[in-house]
Amino acid sequence: DKAEEYLRNQGVENEQYIQDVKKAILSTEMNQGSGAF
């Protein structure tokens, strides 16, 4: 969300780009339990 806020404040209007950045960040979530990392 902070990345999106920054990009919009910088005048970035490409919605696909903003969503791609957000999805990349969300992909770093780590599973701290068992199973896949």
PDB file of all heavy atoms in Angstrom:
ATOM      1  N   ASP A   1       0.829  -1.208   0.000  1.00  0.00           N
ATOM      2  CA  ASP A   1       0.000   0.000   0.000  1.00  0.00           C
ATOM      3  C   ASP A   1       0.866   1.261   0.000  1.00  0.00           C
ATOM      4  O   ASP A   1       0.535   2.255  -0.658  1.00  0.00           O
ATOM      5  CB  ASP A   1      -0.925   0.012   1.219  1.00  0.00           C
ATOM      6  CG  ASP A   1      -2.045  -1.008   1.105  1.00  0.00           C
ATOM      7  OD1 ASP A   1      -2.310  -1.482  -0.024  1.00  0.00           O
ATOM      8  OD2 ASP A   1      -2.650  -1.339   2.146  1.00  0.00           O
ATOM      9  N   LYS A   2       1.971   1.222   0.723  1.00  0.00           N
ATOM     10  CA  LYS A   2       2.862   2.389   0.761  1.00  0.00           C
ATOM     11  C   LYS A   2       3.538   2.604  -0.597  1.00  0.00           C
ATOM     12  O   LYS A   2       3.770   3.751  -1.006  1.00  0.00           O
ATOM     13  CB  LYS A   2       3.907   2.215   1.867  1.00  0.00           C
ATOM     14  CG  LYS A   2       3.353   2.403   3.279  1.00  0.00           C
ATOM     15  CD  LYS A   2       4.445   2.311   4.313  1.00  0.00           C
ATOM     16  CE  LYS A   2       3.891   2.600   5.710  1.00  0.00           C
ATOM     17  NZ  LYS A   2       3.431   4.000   5.851  1.00  0.00           N
ATOM     18  N   ALA A   3       3.843   1.507  -1.285  1.00  0.00           N
ATOM     19  CA  ALA A   3       4.426   1.616  -2.623  1.00  0.00           C
ATOM     20  C   ALA A   3       3.420   2.264  -3.571  1.00  0.00           C
ATOM     21  O   ALA A   3       3.779   3.154  -4.365  1.00  0.00           O
ATOM     22  CB  ALA A   3       4.836   0.243  -3.142  1.00  0.00           C
ATOM     23  N   GLU A   4       2.175   1.831  -3.489  1.00  0.00           N
ATOM     24  CA  GLU A   4       1.126   2.407  -4.344  1.00  0.00           C
ATOM     25  C   GLU A   4       0.950   3.898  -4.052  1.00  0.00           C
ATOM     26  O   GLU A   4       0.868   4.720  -4.977  1.00  0.00           O
ATOM     27  CB  GLU A   4      -0.202   1.687  -4.118  1.00  0.00           C
ATOM     28  CG  GLU A   4      -1.341   2.289  -4.930  1.00  0.00           C
ATOM     29  CD  GLU A   4      -2.668   1.582  -4.732  1.00  0.00           C
ATOM     30  OE1 GLU A   4      -2.749   0.722  -3.828  1.00  0.00           O
ATOM     31  OE2 GLU A   4      -3.615   1.882  -5.487  1.00  0.00           O
ATOM     32  N   GLU A   5       0.912   4.248  -2.778  1.00  0.00           N
ATOM     33  CA  GLU A   5       0.754   5.650  -2.396  1.00  0.00           C
ATOM     34  C   GLU A   5       1.898   6.500  -2.959  1.00  0.00           C
ATOM     35  O   GLU A   5       1.674   7.588  -3.498  1.00  0.00           O
ATOM     36  CB  GLU A   5       0.717   5.770  -0.868  1.00  0.00           C
ATOM     37  CG  GLU A   5       0.582   7.199  -0.366  1.00  0.00           C
ATOM     38  CD  GLU A   5       0.604   7.285   1.151  1.00  0.00           C
ATOM     39  OE1 GLU A   5       0.966   6.280   1.810  1.00  0.00           O
ATOM     40  OE2 GLU A   5       0.282   8.361   1.689  1.00  0.00           O
ATOM     41  N   TYR A   6       3.116   5.988  -2.831  1.00  0.00           N
ATOM     42  CA  TYR A   6       4.275   6.727  -3.341  1.00  0.00           C
ATOM     43  C   TYR A   6       4.190   6.907  -4.850  1.00  0.00           C
ATOM     44  O   TYR A   6       4.395   8.017  -5.365  1.00  0.00           O
ATOM     45  CB  TYR A   6       5.561   6.000  -2.978  1.00  0.00           C
ATOM     46  CG  TYR A   6       6.791   6.618  -3.606  1.00  0.00           C
ATOM     47  CD1 TYR A   6       7.421   7.711  -3.022  1.00  0.00           C
ATOM     48  CD2 TYR A   6       7.318   6.113  -4.800  1.00  0.00           C
ATOM     49  CE1 TYR A   6       8.535   8.300  -3.602  1.00  0.00           C
ATOM     50  CE2 TYR A   6       8.439   6.699  -5.386  1.00  0.00           C
ATOM     51  CZ  TYR A   6       9.038   7.788  -4.790  1.00  0.00           C
ATOM     52  OH  TYR A   6      10.144   8.360  -5.380  1.00  0.00           O
ATOM     53  N   LEU A   7       3.887   5.839  -5.572  1.00  0.00           N
ATOM     54  CA  LEU A   7       3.845   5.904  -7.037  1.00  0.00           C
ATOM     55  C   LEU A   7       2.765   6.864  -7.523  1.00  0.00           C
ATOM     56  O   LEU A   7       2.991   7.636  -8.458  1.00  0.00           O
ATOM     57  CB  LEU A   7       3.611   4.501  -7.611  1.00  0.00           C
ATOM     58  CG  LEU A   7       4.788   3.529  -7.464  1.00  0.00           C
ATOM     59  CD1 LEU A   7       4.371   2.119  -7.854  1.00  0.00           C
ATOM     60  CD2 LEU A   7       5.980   3.982  -8.296  1.00  0.00           C
ATOM     61  N   ARG A   8       1.609   6.829  -6.882  1.00  0.00           N
ATOM     62  CA  ARG A   8       0.538   7.748  -7.296  1.00  0.00           C
ATOM     63  C   ARG A   8       0.925   9.196  -6.991  1.00  0.00           C
ATOM     64  O   ARG A   8       0.631  10.099  -7.782  1.00  0.00           O
ATOM     65  CB  ARG A   8      -0.767   7.377  -6.598  1.00  0.00           C
ATOM     66  CG  ARG A   8      -1.328   6.023  -7.042  1.00  0.00           C
ATOM     67  CD  ARG A   8      -2.766   5.821  -6.620  1.00  0.00           C
ATOM     68  NE  ARG A   8      -3.228   4.473  -6.908  1.00  0.00           N
ATOM     69  CZ  ARG A   8      -3.579   4.016  -8.110  1.00  0.00           C
ATOM     70  NH1 ARG A   8      -3.523   4.821  -9.160  1.00  0.00           N
ATOM     71  NH2 ARG A   8      -3.997   2.770  -8.278  1.00  0.00           N
ATOM     72  N   ASN A   9       1.594   9.417  -5.862  1.00  0.00           N
ATOM     73  CA  ASN A   9       2.048  10.773  -5.535  1.00  0.00           C
ATOM     74  C   ASN A   9       3.109  11.269  -6.511  1.00  0.00           C
ATOM     75  O   ASN A   9       3.270  12.478  -6.700  1.00  0.00           O
ATOM     76  CB  ASN A   9       2.607  10.817  -4.111  1.00  0.00           C
ATOM     77  CG  ASN A   9       1.527  10.724  -3.050  1.00  0.00           C
ATOM     78  OD1 ASN A   9       0.358  11.000  -3.324  1.00  0.00           O
ATOM     79  ND2 ASN A   9       1.909  10.342  -1.838  1.00  0.00           N
ATOM     80  N   GLN A  10       3.830  10.317  -7.131  1.00  0.00           N
ATOM     81  CA  GLN A  10       4.852  10.669  -8.126  1.00  0.00           C
ATOM     82  C   GLN A  10       4.252  10.834  -9.517  1.00  0.00           C
ATOM     83  O   GLN A  10       4.981  11.076 -10.480  1.00  0.00           O
ATOM     84  CB  GLN A  10       5.945   9.602  -8.155  1.00  0.00           C
ATOM     85  CG  GLN A  10       6.787   9.533  -6.896  1.00  0.00           C
ATOM     86  CD  GLN A  10       7.533  10.827  -6.625  1.00  0.00           C
ATOM     87  OE1 GLN A  10       8.252  11.338  -7.482  1.00  0.00           O
ATOM     88  NE2 GLN A  10       7.371  11.368  -5.418  1.00  0.00           N
ATOM     89  N   GLY A  11       2.944  10.676  -9.618  1.00  0.00           N
ATOM     90  CA  GLY A  11       2.273  10.890 -10.897  1.00  0.00           C
ATOM     91  C   GLY A  11       2.214   9.676 -11.803  1.00  0.00           C
ATOM     92  O   GLY A  11       1.880   9.801 -12.994  1.00  0.00           O
ATOM     93  N   VAL A  12       2.534   8.491 -11.273  1.00  0.00           N
ATOM     94  CA  VAL A  12       2.440   7.272 -12.085  1.00  0.00           C
ATOM     95  C   VAL A  12       0.967   6.926 -12.266  1.00  0.00           C
ATOM     96  O   VAL A  12       0.236   6.755 -11.289  1.00  0.00           O
ATOM     97  CB  VAL A  12       3.191   6.104 -11.414  1.00  0.00           C
ATOM     98  CG1 VAL A  12       3.006   4.822 -12.225  1.00  0.00           C
ATOM     99  CG2 VAL A  12       4.666   6.432 -11.273  1.00  0.00           C
ATOM    100  N   GLU A  13       0.531   6.793 -13.501  1.00  0.00           N
ATOM    101  CA  GLU A  13      -0.873   6.532 -13.798  1.00  0.00           C
ATOM    102  C   GLU A  13      -1.110   5.155 -14.401  1.00  0.00           C
ATOM    103  O   GLU A  13      -2.262   4.759 -14.591  1.00  0.00           O
ATOM    104  CB  GLU A  13      -1.410   7.606 -14.747  1.00  0.00           C
ATOM    105  CG  GLU A  13      -1.351   9.021 -14.169  1.00  0.00           C
ATOM    106  CD  GLU A  13      -1.862  10.059 -15.146  1.00  0.00           C
ATOM    107  OE1 GLU A  13      -2.058   9.707 -16.333  1.00  0.00           O
ATOM    108  OE2 GLU A  13      -2.081  11.214 -14.724  1.00  0.00           O
ATOM    109  N   ASN A  14      -0.044   4.435 -14.693  1.00  0.00           N
ATOM    110  CA  ASN A  14      -0.180   3.108 -15.297  1.00  0.00           C
ATOM    111  C   ASN A  14      -0.651   2.124 -14.232  1.00  0.00           C
ATOM    112  O   ASN A  14       0.115   1.665 -13.391  1.00  0.00           O
ATOM    113  CB  ASN A  14       1.159   2.663 -15.886  1.00  0.00           C
ATOM    114  CG  ASN A  14       1.037   1.396 -16.724  1.00  0.00           C
ATOM    115  OD1 ASN A  14       0.358   0.457 -16.337  1.00  0.00           O
ATOM    116  ND2 ASN A  14       1.710   1.378 -17.862  1.00  0.00           N
ATOM    117  N   GLU A  15      -1.943   1.790 -14.289  1.00  0.00           N
ATOM    118  CA  GLU A  15      -2.548   0.939 -13.271  1.00  0.00           C
ATOM    119  C   GLU A  15      -1.943  -0.461 -13.255  1.00  0.00           C
ATOM    120  O   GLU A  15      -1.766  -1.055 -12.193  1.00  0.00           O
ATOM    121  CB  GLU A  15      -4.061   0.846 -13.493  1.00  0.00           C
ATOM    122  CG  GLU A  15      -4.829   0.233 -12.333  1.00  0.00           C
ATOM    123  CD  GLU A  15      -4.734   1.071 -11.060  1.00  0.00           C
ATOM    124  OE1 GLU A  15      -4.646   2.310 -11.159  1.00  0.00           O
ATOM    125  OE2 GLU A  15      -4.730   0.464  -9.961  1.00  0.00           O
ATOM    126  N   GLN A  16      -1.631  -0.986 -14.432  1.00  0.00           N
ATOM    127  CA  GLN A  16      -1.035  -2.322 -14.507  1.00  0.00           C
ATOM    128  C   GLN A  16       0.308  -2.346 -13.796  1.00  0.00           C
ATOM    129  O   GLN A  16       0.627  -3.294 -13.068  1.00  0.00           O
ATOM    130  CB  GLN A  16      -0.861  -2.746 -15.967  1.00  0.00           C
ATOM    131  CG  GLN A  16      -0.290  -4.157 -16.145  1.00  0.00           C
ATOM    132  CD  GLN A  16      -1.218  -5.229 -15.604  1.00  0.00           C
ATOM    133  OE1 GLN A  16      -2.400  -5.274 -15.975  1.00  0.00           O
ATOM    134  NE2 GLN A  16      -0.711  -6.079 -14.735  1.00  0.00           N
ATOM    135  N   TYR A  17       1.081  -1.303 -13.992  1.00  0.00           N
ATOM    136  CA  TYR A  17       2.392  -1.222 -13.348  1.00  0.00           C
ATOM    137  C   TYR A  17       2.261  -1.187 -11.833  1.00  0.00           C
ATOM    138  O   TYR A  17       2.963  -1.920 -11.118  1.00  0.00           O
ATOM    139  CB  TYR A  17       3.146   0.022 -13.825  1.00  0.00           C
ATOM    140  CG  TYR A  17       4.463   0.231 -13.120  1.00  0.00           C
ATOM    141  CD1 TYR A  17       5.578  -0.535 -13.450  1.00  0.00           C
ATOM    142  CD2 TYR A  17       4.580   1.176 -12.090  1.00  0.00           C
ATOM    143  CE1 TYR A  17       6.784  -0.362 -12.778  1.00  0.00           C
ATOM    144  CE2 TYR A  17       5.785   1.353 -11.424  1.00  0.00           C
ATOM    145  CZ  TYR A  17       6.877   0.576 -11.772  1.00  0.00           C
ATOM    146  OH  TYR A  17       8.068   0.736 -11.109  1.00  0.00           O
ATOM    147  N   ILE A  18       1.375  -0.361 -11.333  1.00  0.00           N
ATOM    148  CA  ILE A  18       1.174  -0.249  -9.880  1.00  0.00           C
ATOM    149  C   ILE A  18       0.761  -1.592  -9.290  1.00  0.00           C
ATOM    150  O   ILE A  18       1.279  -2.012  -8.245  1.00  0.00           O
ATOM    151  CB  ILE A  18       0.119   0.831  -9.566  1.00  0.00           C
ATOM    152  CG1 ILE A  18       0.653   2.220  -9.945  1.00  0.00           C
ATOM    153  CG2 ILE A  18      -0.275   0.788  -8.084  1.00  0.00           C
ATOM    154  CD1 ILE A  18      -0.365   3.336  -9.810  1.00  0.00           C
ATOM    155  N   GLN A  19      -0.163  -2.282  -9.958  1.00  0.00           N
ATOM    156  CA  GLN A  19      -0.616  -3.578  -9.452  1.00  0.00           C
ATOM    157  C   GLN A  19       0.499  -4.626  -9.530  1.00  0.00           C
ATOM    158  O   GLN A  19       0.602  -5.493  -8.648  1.00  0.00           O
ATOM    159  CB  GLN A  19      -1.849  -4.040 -10.224  1.00  0.00           C
ATOM    160  CG  GLN A  19      -3.075  -3.169 -10.021  1.00  0.00           C
ATOM    161  CD  GLN A  19      -3.406  -2.973  -8.543  1.00  0.00           C
ATOM    162  OE1 GLN A  19      -3.425  -3.917  -7.769  1.00  0.00           O
ATOM    163  NE2 GLN A  19      -3.669  -1.726  -8.163  1.00  0.00           N
ATOM    164  N   ASP A  20       1.326  -4.573 -10.562  1.00  0.00           N
ATOM    165  CA  ASP A  20       2.440  -5.522 -10.682  1.00  0.00           C
ATOM    166  C   ASP A  20       3.443  -5.320  -9.544  1.00  0.00           C
ATOM    167  O   ASP A  20       3.985  -6.283  -8.997  1.00  0.00           O
ATOM    168  CB  ASP A  20       3.136  -5.368 -12.040  1.00  0.00           C
ATOM    169  CG  ASP A  20       2.366  -6.028 -13.174  1.00  0.00           C
ATOM    170  OD1 ASP A  20       1.499  -6.872 -12.893  1.00  0.00           O
ATOM    171  OD2 ASP A  20       2.636  -5.695 -14.346  1.00  0.00           O
ATOM    172  N   VAL A  21       3.706  -4.066  -9.208  1.00  0.00           N
ATOM    173  CA  VAL A  21       4.616  -3.770  -8.093  1.00  0.00           C
ATOM    174  C   VAL A  21       4.036  -4.299  -6.786  1.00  0.00           C
ATOM    175  O   VAL A  21       4.733  -4.951  -5.994  1.00  0.00           O
ATOM    176  CB  VAL A  21       4.870  -2.249  -7.982  1.00  0.00           C
ATOM    177  CG1 VAL A  21       5.584  -1.916  -6.665  1.00  0.00           C
ATOM    178  CG2 VAL A  21       5.709  -1.764  -9.162  1.00  0.00           C
ATOM    179  N   LYS A  22       2.746  -4.048  -6.557  1.00  0.00           N
ATOM    180  CA  LYS A  22       2.111  -4.497  -5.315  1.00  0.00           C
ATOM    181  C   LYS A  22       2.112  -6.019  -5.211  1.00  0.00           C
ATOM    182  O   LYS A  22       2.392  -6.584  -4.140  1.00  0.00           O
ATOM    183  CB  LYS A  22       0.681  -3.969  -5.238  1.00  0.00           C
ATOM    184  CG  LYS A  22       0.567  -2.466  -5.079  1.00  0.00           C
ATOM    185  CD  LYS A  22      -0.880  -2.020  -4.919  1.00  0.00           C
ATOM    186  CE  LYS A  22      -1.469  -2.479  -3.599  1.00  0.00           C
ATOM    187  NZ  LYS A  22      -2.834  -1.965  -3.392  1.00  0.00           N
ATOM    188  N   LYS A  23       1.801  -6.704  -6.313  1.00  0.00           N
ATOM    189  CA  LYS A  23       1.772  -8.162  -6.295  1.00  0.00           C
ATOM    190  C   LYS A  23       3.170  -8.744  -6.045  1.00  0.00           C
ATOM    191  O   LYS A  23       3.309  -9.762  -5.366  1.00  0.00           O
ATOM    192  CB  LYS A  23       1.208  -8.693  -7.609  1.00  0.00           C
ATOM    193  CG  LYS A  23      -0.292  -8.472  -7.772  1.00  0.00           C
ATOM    194  CD  LYS A  23      -0.791  -8.972  -9.115  1.00  0.00           C
ATOM    195  CE  LYS A  23      -2.286  -8.740  -9.265  1.00  0.00           C
ATOM    196  NZ  LYS A  23      -2.782  -9.191 -10.599  1.00  0.00           N
ATOM    197  N   ALA A  24       4.185  -8.098  -6.592  1.00  0.00           N
ATOM    198  CA  ALA A  24       5.553  -8.560  -6.363  1.00  0.00           C
ATOM    199  C   ALA A  24       5.900  -8.466  -4.878  1.00  0.00           C
ATOM    200  O   ALA A  24       6.507  -9.379  -4.302  1.00  0.00           O
ATOM    201  CB  ALA A  24       6.532  -7.743  -7.196  1.00  0.00           C
ATOM    202  N   ILE A  25       5.509  -7.370  -4.253  1.00  0.00           N
ATOM    203  CA  ILE A  25       5.778  -7.192  -2.824  1.00  0.00           C
ATOM    204  C   ILE A  25       5.030  -8.233  -1.997  1.00  0.00           C
ATOM    205  O   ILE A  25       5.596  -8.848  -1.082  1.00  0.00           O
ATOM    206  CB  ILE A  25       5.388  -5.772  -2.374  1.00  0.00           C
ATOM    207  CG1 ILE A  25       6.304  -4.739  -3.028  1.00  0.00           C
ATOM    208  CG2 ILE A  25       5.433  -5.651  -0.846  1.00  0.00           C
ATOM    209  CD1 ILE A  25       5.896  -3.298  -2.793  1.00  0.00           C
ATOM    210  N   LEU A  26       3.776  -8.469  -2.318  1.00  0.00           N
ATOM    211  CA  LEU A  26       2.975  -9.456  -1.582  1.00  0.00           C
ATOM    212  C   LEU A  26       3.547 -10.862  -1.731  1.00  0.00           C
ATOM    213  O   LEU A  26       3.347 -11.720  -0.863  1.00  0.00           O
ATOM    214  CB  LEU A  26       1.527  -9.425  -2.074  1.00  0.00           C
ATOM    215  CG  LEU A  26       0.744  -8.147  -1.755  1.00  0.00           C
ATOM    216  CD1 LEU A  26      -0.615  -8.174  -2.446  1.00  0.00           C
ATOM    217  CD2 LEU A  26       0.564  -7.990  -0.246  1.00  0.00           C
ATOM    218  N   SER A  27       4.273 -11.099  -2.803  1.00  0.00           N
ATOM    219  CA  SER A  27       4.864 -12.418  -3.059  1.00  0.00           C
ATOM    220  C   SER A  27       5.984 -12.765  -2.087  1.00  0.00           C
ATOM    221  O   SER A  27       6.397 -13.920  -2.007  1.00  0.00           O
ATOM    222  CB  SER A  27       5.407 -12.488  -4.498  1.00  0.00           C
ATOM    223  OG  SER A  27       4.378 -12.332  -5.449  1.00  0.00           O
ATOM    224  N   THR A  28       6.484 -11.772  -1.341  1.00  0.00           N
ATOM    225  CA  THR A  28       7.588 -12.036  -0.423  1.00  0.00           C
ATOM    226  C   THR A  28       7.119 -12.613   0.904  1.00  0.00           C
ATOM    227  O   THR A  28       7.948 -12.937   1.771  1.00  0.00           O
ATOM    228  CB  THR A  28       8.401 -10.757  -0.144  1.00  0.00           C
ATOM    229  OG1 THR A  28       7.566  -9.785   0.511  1.00  0.00           O
ATOM    230  CG2 THR A  28       8.935 -10.163  -1.441  1.00  0.00           C
ATOM    231  N   GLU A  29       5.820 -12.749   1.077  1.00  0.00           N
ATOM    232  CA  GLU A  29       5.308 -13.321   2.329  1.00  0.00           C
ATOM    233  C   GLU A  29       5.877 -14.715   2.541  1.00  0.00           C
ATOM    234  O   GLU A  29       5.867 -15.541   1.629  1.00  0.00           O
ATOM    235  CB  GLU A  29       3.783 -13.384   2.302  1.00  0.00           C
ATOM    236  CG  GLU A  29       3.178 -13.937   3.582  1.00  0.00           C
ATOM    237  CD  GLU A  29       1.661 -13.995   3.535  1.00  0.00           C
ATOM    238  OE1 GLU A  29       1.077 -13.570   2.508  1.00  0.00           O
ATOM    239  OE2 GLU A  29       1.061 -14.470   4.511  1.00  0.00           O
ATOM    240  N   MET A  30       6.361 -14.994   3.741  1.00  0.00           N
ATOM    241  CA  MET A  30       6.999 -16.268   4.045  1.00  0.00           C
ATOM    242  C   MET A  30       6.121 -17.107   4.966  1.00  0.00           C
ATOM    243  O   MET A  30       5.546 -16.591   5.925  1.00  0.00           O
ATOM    244  CB  MET A  30       8.359 -16.042   4.711  1.00  0.00           C
ATOM    245  CG  MET A  30       9.323 -15.233   3.887  1.00  0.00           C
ATOM    246  SD  MET A  30      10.846 -14.881   4.822  1.00  0.00           S
ATOM    247  CE  MET A  30      11.609 -13.660   3.746  1.00  0.00           C
ATOM    248  N   ASN A  31       6.049 -18.379   4.670  1.00  0.00           N
ATOM    249  CA  ASN A  31       5.326 -19.322   5.516  1.00  0.00           C
ATOM    250  C   ASN A  31       6.243 -19.766   6.646  1.00  0.00           C
ATOM    251  O   ASN A  31       7.221 -20.462   6.419  1.00  0.00           O
ATOM    252  CB  ASN A  31       4.873 -20.523   4.677  1.00  0.00           C
ATOM    253  CG  ASN A  31       4.278 -21.629   5.527  1.00  0.00           C
ATOM    254  OD1 ASN A  31       3.806 -21.380   6.632  1.00  0.00           O
ATOM    255  ND2 ASN A  31       4.286 -22.842   5.019  1.00  0.00           N
ATOM    256  N   GLN A  32       5.934 -19.356   7.852  1.00  0.00           N
ATOM    257  CA  GLN A  32       6.789 -19.662   8.995  1.00  0.00           C
ATOM    258  C   GLN A  32       6.503 -21.037   9.595  1.00  0.00           C
ATOM    259  O   GLN A  32       7.216 -21.492  10.487  1.00  0.00           O
ATOM    260  CB  GLN A  32       6.602 -18.592  10.081  1.00  0.00           C
ATOM    261  CG  GLN A  32       6.968 -17.190   9.635  1.00  0.00           C
ATOM    262  CD  GLN A  32       8.441 -17.026   9.314  1.00  0.00           C
ATOM    263  OE1 GLN A  32       9.274 -17.791   9.778  1.00  0.00           O
ATOM    264  NE2 GLN A  32       8.771 -16.019   8.518  1.00  0.00           N
ATOM    265  N   GLY A  33       5.460 -21.697   9.108  1.00  0.00           N
ATOM    266  CA  GLY A  33       5.132 -23.022   9.618  1.00  0.00           C
ATOM    267  C   GLY A  33       5.798 -24.119   8.819  1.00  0.00           C
ATOM    268  O   GLY A  33       6.927 -23.971   8.356  1.00  0.00           O
ATOM    269  N   SER A  34       5.091 -25.220   8.627  1.00  0.00           N
ATOM    270  CA  SER A  34       5.626 -26.312   7.825  1.00  0.00           C
ATOM    271  C   SER A  34       5.167 -26.167   6.380  1.00  0.00           C
ATOM    272  O   SER A  34       4.327 -25.331   6.066  1.00  0.00           O
ATOM    273  CB  SER A  34       5.151 -27.658   8.389  1.00  0.00           C
ATOM    274  OG  SER A  34       3.735 -27.721   8.371  1.00  0.00           O
ATOM    275  N   GLY A  35       5.730 -26.973   5.497  1.00  0.00           N
ATOM    276  CA  GLY A  35       5.340 -26.920   4.093  1.00  0.00           C
ATOM    277  C   GLY A  35       6.177 -25.940   3.304  1.00  0.00           C
ATOM    278  O   GLY A  35       7.254 -25.527   3.729  1.00  0.00           O
ATOM    279  N   ALA A  36       5.670 -25.563   2.140  1.00  0.00           N
ATOM    280  CA  ALA A  36       6.417 -24.683   1.233  1.00  0.00           C
ATOM    281  C   ALA A  36       6.760 -23.358   1.907  1.00  0.00           C
ATOM    282  O   ALA A  36       6.000 -22.841   2.726  1.00  0.00           O
ATOM    283  CB  ALA A  36       5.612 -24.447  -0.036  1.00  0.00           C
ATOM    284  N   PHE A  37       7.905 -22.815   1.548  1.00  0.00           N
ATOM    285  CA  PHE A  37       8.400 -21.571   2.150  1.00  0.00           C
ATOM    286  C   PHE A  37       7.636 -20.365   1.630  1.00  0.00           C
ATOM    287  O   PHE A  37       7.137 -19.552   2.404  1.00  0.00           O
ATOM    288  CB  PHE A  37       9.887 -21.437   1.836  1.00  0.00           C
ATOM    289  CG  PHE A  37      10.570 -20.315   2.558  1.00  0.00           C
ATOM    290  CD1 PHE A  37      11.006 -20.474   3.856  1.00  0.00           C
ATOM    291  CD2 PHE A  37      10.781 -19.093   1.931  1.00  0.00           C
ATOM    292  CE1 PHE A  37      11.641 -19.438   4.538  1.00  0.00           C
ATOM    293  CE2 PHE A  37      11.410 -18.059   2.600  1.00  0.00           C
ATOM    294  CZ  PHE A  37      11.840 -18.228   3.903  1.00  0.00           C
TER     295      PHE A  37
END
